[in-house]
Amino acid sequence: MEHINITVKGKVQGVWFRQSTMEKAIELGINGYTMNLTNGDVFIEAESDEKTLNLFIEWCKIGPEMANVENVNLAKSDYKGFRSFQIVK
């Protein structure tokens, strides 16, 4: 299992990005969480196998219909053993 931190930049708040992220993560079997950052970005911690995470990252580069993703930053991190995927407020 792999763990990755994802920061999504662009028009990603107020466009259902976190809800869509959670739905996609659950669909793919990814555990972790997503949250809005005060600077307008969306932050995600995600855990799964490498192939599944790569599919998820590709989705994050596009996001939901109303989003306008400008950049996606990735950072590998230590596995934490999340058991579900949540939206953190």
Protein backbone atom coordinates (compact mmCIF):
# COMPACT_ATOMS: atom_id res chain seq x y z
CA MET A 1 0.00 0.00 0.00
CA GLU A 2 1.12 3.51 -0.88
CA HIS A 3 0.32 6.89 0.66
CA ILE A 4 0.31 10.14 -1.31
CA ASN A 5 -0.45 13.75 -0.40
CA ILE A 6 -2.13 15.67 -3.21
CA THR A 7 -2.60 19.43 -3.40
CA VAL A 8 -4.95 20.59 -6.15
CA LYS A 9 -4.72 24.22 -7.27
CA GLY A 10 -7.08 26.28 -9.41
CA LYS A 11 -10.83 26.85 -9.21
CA VAL A 12 -11.39 23.90 -6.90
CA GLN A 13 -13.49 25.32 -4.06
CA GLY A 14 -17.22 25.92 -4.42
CA VAL A 15 -17.44 23.46 -7.34
CA TRP A 16 -18.15 20.20 -5.44
CA PHE A 17 -14.51 19.14 -5.69
CA ARG A 18 -14.33 17.54 -2.24
CA GLN A 19 -17.63 15.67 -2.66
CA SER A 20 -16.62 14.44 -6.11
CA THR A 21 -13.20 13.45 -4.76
CA MET A 22 -14.80 11.38 -2.03
CA GLU A 23 -17.14 9.68 -4.52
CA LYS A 24 -14.24 8.85 -6.87
CA ALA A 25 -12.09 7.58 -3.98
CA ILE A 26 -14.87 5.32 -2.74
CA GLU A 27 -15.48 4.06 -6.29
CA LEU A 28 -11.78 3.17 -6.61
CA GLY A 29 -11.43 1.75 -3.08
CA ILE A 30 -9.09 4.50 -1.86
CA ASN A 31 -8.90 5.46 1.82
CA GLY A 32 -7.95 8.86 3.24
CA TYR A 33 -9.51 12.30 3.32
CA THR A 34 -9.93 15.61 1.50
CA MET A 35 -10.20 19.15 2.84
CA ASN A 36 -10.26 22.76 1.69
CA LEU A 37 -7.20 24.86 2.49
CA THR A 38 -7.50 28.52 3.44
CA ASN A 39 -5.53 29.57 0.33
CA GLY A 40 -8.22 28.14 -2.01
CA ASP A 41 -6.50 24.81 -2.72
CA VAL A 42 -7.86 21.34 -1.97
CA PHE A 43 -5.66 18.91 -0.03
CA ILE A 44 -6.03 15.12 -0.22
CA GLU A 45 -4.32 12.26 1.59
CA ALA A 46 -4.91 9.00 -0.26
CA GLU A 47 -3.90 5.38 0.31
CA SER A 48 -4.15 2.41 -2.02
CA ASP A 49 -1.98 0.42 -4.39
CA GLU A 50 0.15 2.35 -6.88
CA LYS A 51 -2.00 1.56 -9.94
CA THR A 52 -5.20 2.74 -8.26
CA LEU A 53 -3.54 5.89 -6.92
CA ASN A 54 -2.32 6.72 -10.43
CA LEU A 55 -5.91 6.49 -11.74
CA PHE A 56 -7.04 8.74 -8.89
CA ILE A 57 -4.28 11.28 -9.57
CA GLU A 58 -5.31 11.44 -13.23
CA TRP A 59 -8.88 12.14 -12.13
CA CYS A 60 -7.65 14.88 -9.74
CA LYS A 61 -5.97 16.62 -12.69
CA ILE A 62 -9.45 17.15 -14.20
CA GLY A 63 -11.85 17.03 -11.23
CA PRO A 64 -15.60 17.59 -11.46
CA GLU A 65 -17.24 19.42 -14.34
CA MET A 66 -17.25 22.93 -12.79
CA ALA A 67 -13.62 22.76 -11.60
CA ASN A 68 -10.68 24.34 -13.38
CA VAL A 69 -7.57 22.51 -12.17
CA GLU A 70 -4.39 24.47 -12.83
CA ASN A 71 -1.85 22.29 -11.03
CA VAL A 72 -1.60 19.10 -8.97
CA ASN A 73 1.30 18.70 -6.53
CA LEU A 74 2.19 15.23 -5.28
CA ALA A 75 4.26 14.13 -2.29
CA LYS A 76 4.73 10.53 -1.15
CA SER A 77 4.41 10.00 2.58
CA ASP A 78 4.35 7.24 5.17
CA TYR A 79 1.41 4.84 5.10
CA LYS A 80 -1.11 5.71 7.86
CA GLY A 81 -3.69 2.93 7.51
CA PHE A 82 -6.84 4.96 6.87
CA ARG A 83 -9.97 2.77 6.92
CA SER A 84 -12.35 4.96 4.91
CA PHE A 85 -12.44 8.17 2.87
CA GLN A 86 -13.88 11.33 4.41
CA ILE A 87 -14.37 15.02 3.85
CA VAL A 88 -12.70 17.00 6.65
CA LYS A 89 -14.09 20.47 7.34
